[in-house]
Amino acid sequence: MSDTPHRLSCHCGAVVIEVRLSRGLDSAGRCDCSYCRRRGAIMAAAPLDGVRIVQGADTLTLYQWGTRAAEH
């Protein structure tokens, strides 16, 4: 796991997290959902013990869109 934490936030900035990626930024790739594809967003997978919620844990909810098949 990479020792360098990456600080990230949601679209509105209410939630801030720090993530330690198992392969660093080498694990980053393009998300191919319609929302991210239009915006050129990237994604990366992280183990649960590599994620720390810095701010906004009380605002987290289930996030779904489109067919509602994926749950985030």
N, C-alpha and C. Protein backbone atom coordinates (compact mmCIF):
# COMPACT_ATOMS: atom_id res chain seq x y z
N MET A 1 0.85 -1.18 0.00
CA MET A 1 0.00 0.00 0.00
C MET A 1 0.89 1.24 0.00
N SER A 2 0.51 2.23 -0.76
CA SER A 2 1.26 3.48 -0.83
C SER A 2 1.17 4.22 0.50
N ASP A 3 2.30 4.77 0.97
CA ASP A 3 2.30 5.50 2.23
C ASP A 3 1.80 6.93 2.08
N THR A 4 1.69 7.42 0.86
CA THR A 4 1.26 8.78 0.63
C THR A 4 -0.27 8.85 0.55
N PRO A 5 -0.91 9.55 1.50
CA PRO A 5 -2.37 9.67 1.42
C PRO A 5 -2.77 10.70 0.36
N HIS A 6 -3.87 10.45 -0.28
CA HIS A 6 -4.44 11.38 -1.26
C HIS A 6 -5.72 11.92 -0.66
N ARG A 7 -5.88 13.24 -0.63
CA ARG A 7 -7.08 13.87 -0.06
C ARG A 7 -8.04 14.15 -1.20
N LEU A 8 -9.29 13.73 -1.02
CA LEU A 8 -10.32 13.85 -2.05
C LEU A 8 -11.61 14.38 -1.45
N SER A 9 -12.49 14.90 -2.30
CA SER A 9 -13.80 15.34 -1.82
C SER A 9 -14.87 14.95 -2.83
N CYS A 10 -16.11 14.95 -2.36
CA CYS A 10 -17.24 14.67 -3.24
C CYS A 10 -17.51 15.89 -4.12
N HIS A 11 -18.54 15.78 -4.99
CA HIS A 11 -18.87 16.87 -5.91
C HIS A 11 -19.14 18.19 -5.19
N CYS A 12 -19.87 18.15 -4.08
CA CYS A 12 -20.26 19.40 -3.40
C CYS A 12 -19.27 19.81 -2.32
N GLY A 13 -18.32 18.94 -1.97
CA GLY A 13 -17.32 19.29 -0.97
C GLY A 13 -17.70 18.99 0.47
N ALA A 14 -18.90 18.42 0.68
CA ALA A 14 -19.35 18.13 2.05
C ALA A 14 -18.56 16.99 2.68
N VAL A 15 -18.12 16.03 1.85
CA VAL A 15 -17.38 14.87 2.36
C VAL A 15 -15.93 14.96 1.87
N VAL A 16 -15.01 14.81 2.81
CA VAL A 16 -13.58 14.80 2.49
C VAL A 16 -13.01 13.50 3.03
N ILE A 17 -12.22 12.80 2.21
CA ILE A 17 -11.59 11.56 2.63
C ILE A 17 -10.10 11.59 2.32
N GLU A 18 -9.34 10.77 3.03
CA GLU A 18 -7.95 10.51 2.70
C GLU A 18 -7.86 9.05 2.30
N VAL A 19 -7.17 8.78 1.21
CA VAL A 19 -7.08 7.43 0.67
C VAL A 19 -5.62 7.05 0.47
N ARG A 20 -5.29 5.85 0.90
CA ARG A 20 -3.97 5.28 0.62
C ARG A 20 -4.22 4.15 -0.39
N LEU A 21 -3.72 4.32 -1.59
CA LEU A 21 -3.96 3.37 -2.68
C LEU A 21 -2.94 2.23 -2.62
N SER A 22 -3.41 1.00 -2.84
CA SER A 22 -2.53 -0.16 -2.73
C SER A 22 -1.42 -0.14 -3.78
N ARG A 23 -1.65 0.43 -4.93
CA ARG A 23 -0.62 0.53 -5.98
C ARG A 23 -0.33 1.99 -6.33
N GLY A 24 -0.60 2.89 -5.42
CA GLY A 24 -0.39 4.30 -5.70
C GLY A 24 -1.27 4.75 -6.85
N LEU A 25 -0.85 5.76 -7.55
CA LEU A 25 -1.64 6.26 -8.69
C LEU A 25 -1.56 5.35 -9.90
N ASP A 26 -0.73 4.28 -9.84
CA ASP A 26 -0.70 3.30 -10.93
C ASP A 26 -2.03 2.57 -11.06
N SER A 27 -2.83 2.57 -9.99
CA SER A 27 -4.12 1.88 -10.04
C SER A 27 -5.22 2.77 -10.63
N ALA A 28 -4.94 4.01 -10.92
CA ALA A 28 -5.95 4.94 -11.45
C ALA A 28 -6.31 4.58 -12.89
N GLY A 29 -7.57 4.79 -13.23
CA GLY A 29 -8.05 4.54 -14.58
C GLY A 29 -9.27 5.40 -14.86
N ARG A 30 -9.78 5.30 -16.06
CA ARG A 30 -10.95 6.08 -16.44
C ARG A 30 -12.23 5.36 -16.06
N CYS A 31 -13.12 6.07 -15.42
CA CYS A 31 -14.45 5.53 -15.14
C CYS A 31 -15.24 5.63 -16.44
N ASP A 32 -16.02 4.59 -16.77
CA ASP A 32 -16.74 4.62 -18.05
C ASP A 32 -18.25 4.84 -17.89
N CYS A 33 -18.69 5.29 -16.70
CA CYS A 33 -20.12 5.61 -16.58
C CYS A 33 -20.39 6.90 -17.37
N SER A 34 -21.64 7.13 -17.70
CA SER A 34 -21.98 8.28 -18.54
C SER A 34 -21.62 9.61 -17.89
N TYR A 35 -21.77 9.72 -16.57
CA TYR A 35 -21.46 10.97 -15.87
C TYR A 35 -19.96 11.26 -15.93
N CYS A 36 -19.16 10.28 -15.54
CA CYS A 36 -17.71 10.47 -15.49
C CYS A 36 -17.10 10.58 -16.89
N ARG A 37 -17.64 9.82 -17.83
CA ARG A 37 -17.11 9.86 -19.20
C ARG A 37 -17.23 11.27 -19.77
N ARG A 38 -18.34 11.95 -19.51
CA ARG A 38 -18.53 13.33 -20.02
C ARG A 38 -17.57 14.30 -19.35
N ARG A 39 -17.14 13.99 -18.15
CA ARG A 39 -16.28 14.91 -17.39
C ARG A 39 -14.82 14.49 -17.35
N GLY A 40 -14.50 13.35 -17.94
CA GLY A 40 -13.12 12.87 -17.96
C GLY A 40 -12.61 12.46 -16.60
N ALA A 41 -13.50 11.97 -15.73
CA ALA A 41 -13.11 11.61 -14.37
C ALA A 41 -12.26 10.35 -14.34
N ILE A 42 -11.42 10.26 -13.32
CA ILE A 42 -10.63 9.06 -13.09
C ILE A 42 -11.12 8.37 -11.82
N MET A 43 -10.74 7.10 -11.66
CA MET A 43 -11.10 6.35 -10.46
C MET A 43 -9.93 5.47 -10.07
N ALA A 44 -9.95 5.04 -8.83
CA ALA A 44 -8.95 4.11 -8.34
C ALA A 44 -9.58 3.30 -7.21
N ALA A 45 -9.17 2.05 -7.07
CA ALA A 45 -9.67 1.20 -6.00
C ALA A 45 -8.73 1.26 -4.82
N ALA A 46 -9.31 1.23 -3.63
CA ALA A 46 -8.53 1.26 -2.40
C ALA A 46 -9.10 0.25 -1.42
N PRO A 47 -8.25 -0.39 -0.63
CA PRO A 47 -8.76 -1.29 0.41
C PRO A 47 -9.47 -0.47 1.49
N LEU A 48 -10.46 -1.05 2.16
CA LEU A 48 -11.21 -0.31 3.17
C LEU A 48 -10.32 0.26 4.26
N ASP A 49 -9.27 -0.47 4.65
CA ASP A 49 -8.40 0.05 5.70
C ASP A 49 -7.49 1.17 5.20
N GLY A 50 -7.56 1.48 3.91
CA GLY A 50 -6.80 2.58 3.35
C GLY A 50 -7.62 3.84 3.16
N VAL A 51 -8.87 3.84 3.64
CA VAL A 51 -9.78 4.97 3.50
C VAL A 51 -10.11 5.54 4.87
N ARG A 52 -9.93 6.86 5.01
CA ARG A 52 -10.27 7.53 6.27
C ARG A 52 -11.17 8.72 5.96
N ILE A 53 -12.33 8.79 6.59
CA ILE A 53 -13.25 9.91 6.40
C ILE A 53 -12.77 11.05 7.29
N VAL A 54 -12.41 12.17 6.67
CA VAL A 54 -11.90 13.34 7.38
C VAL A 54 -13.04 14.25 7.81
N GLN A 55 -14.04 14.38 6.94
CA GLN A 55 -15.14 15.32 7.17
C GLN A 55 -16.40 14.80 6.50
N GLY A 56 -17.55 14.96 7.13
CA GLY A 56 -18.83 14.70 6.51
C GLY A 56 -19.36 13.29 6.61
N ALA A 57 -18.86 12.47 7.53
CA ALA A 57 -19.36 11.10 7.67
C ALA A 57 -20.87 11.08 7.89
N ASP A 58 -21.39 12.08 8.57
CA ASP A 58 -22.83 12.14 8.86
C ASP A 58 -23.68 12.43 7.63
N THR A 59 -23.07 12.85 6.53
CA THR A 59 -23.84 13.17 5.32
C THR A 59 -23.81 12.03 4.30
N LEU A 60 -23.06 10.96 4.55
CA LEU A 60 -22.95 9.86 3.59
C LEU A 60 -24.26 9.08 3.50
N THR A 61 -24.66 8.74 2.27
CA THR A 61 -25.84 7.94 2.01
C THR A 61 -25.55 7.01 0.84
N LEU A 62 -26.49 6.17 0.50
CA LEU A 62 -26.38 5.31 -0.68
C LEU A 62 -26.49 6.18 -1.93
N TYR A 63 -25.59 5.99 -2.89
CA TYR A 63 -25.59 6.76 -4.14
C TYR A 63 -25.88 5.82 -5.29
N GLN A 64 -26.97 6.07 -6.04
CA GLN A 64 -27.33 5.28 -7.21
C GLN A 64 -27.77 6.21 -8.33
N TRP A 65 -27.69 5.73 -9.55
CA TRP A 65 -28.15 6.51 -10.70
C TRP A 65 -28.56 5.56 -11.80
N GLY A 66 -29.12 6.10 -12.86
CA GLY A 66 -29.49 5.31 -14.04
C GLY A 66 -30.37 4.11 -13.71
N THR A 67 -29.86 2.92 -13.96
CA THR A 67 -30.62 1.69 -13.75
C THR A 67 -30.71 1.28 -12.28
N ARG A 68 -30.00 1.99 -11.43
CA ARG A 68 -29.94 1.71 -9.99
C ARG A 68 -29.37 0.33 -9.68
N ALA A 69 -28.60 -0.23 -10.61
CA ALA A 69 -27.99 -1.54 -10.42
C ALA A 69 -26.74 -1.43 -9.53
N ALA A 70 -25.99 -0.36 -9.67
CA ALA A 70 -24.77 -0.17 -8.89
C ALA A 70 -25.10 0.60 -7.61
N GLU A 71 -24.48 0.21 -6.53
CA GLU A 71 -24.68 0.89 -5.25
C GLU A 71 -23.34 1.39 -4.76
N HIS A 72 -23.23 2.69 -4.55
CA HIS A 72 -21.98 3.30 -4.10
C HIS A 72 -22.23 4.10 -2.84
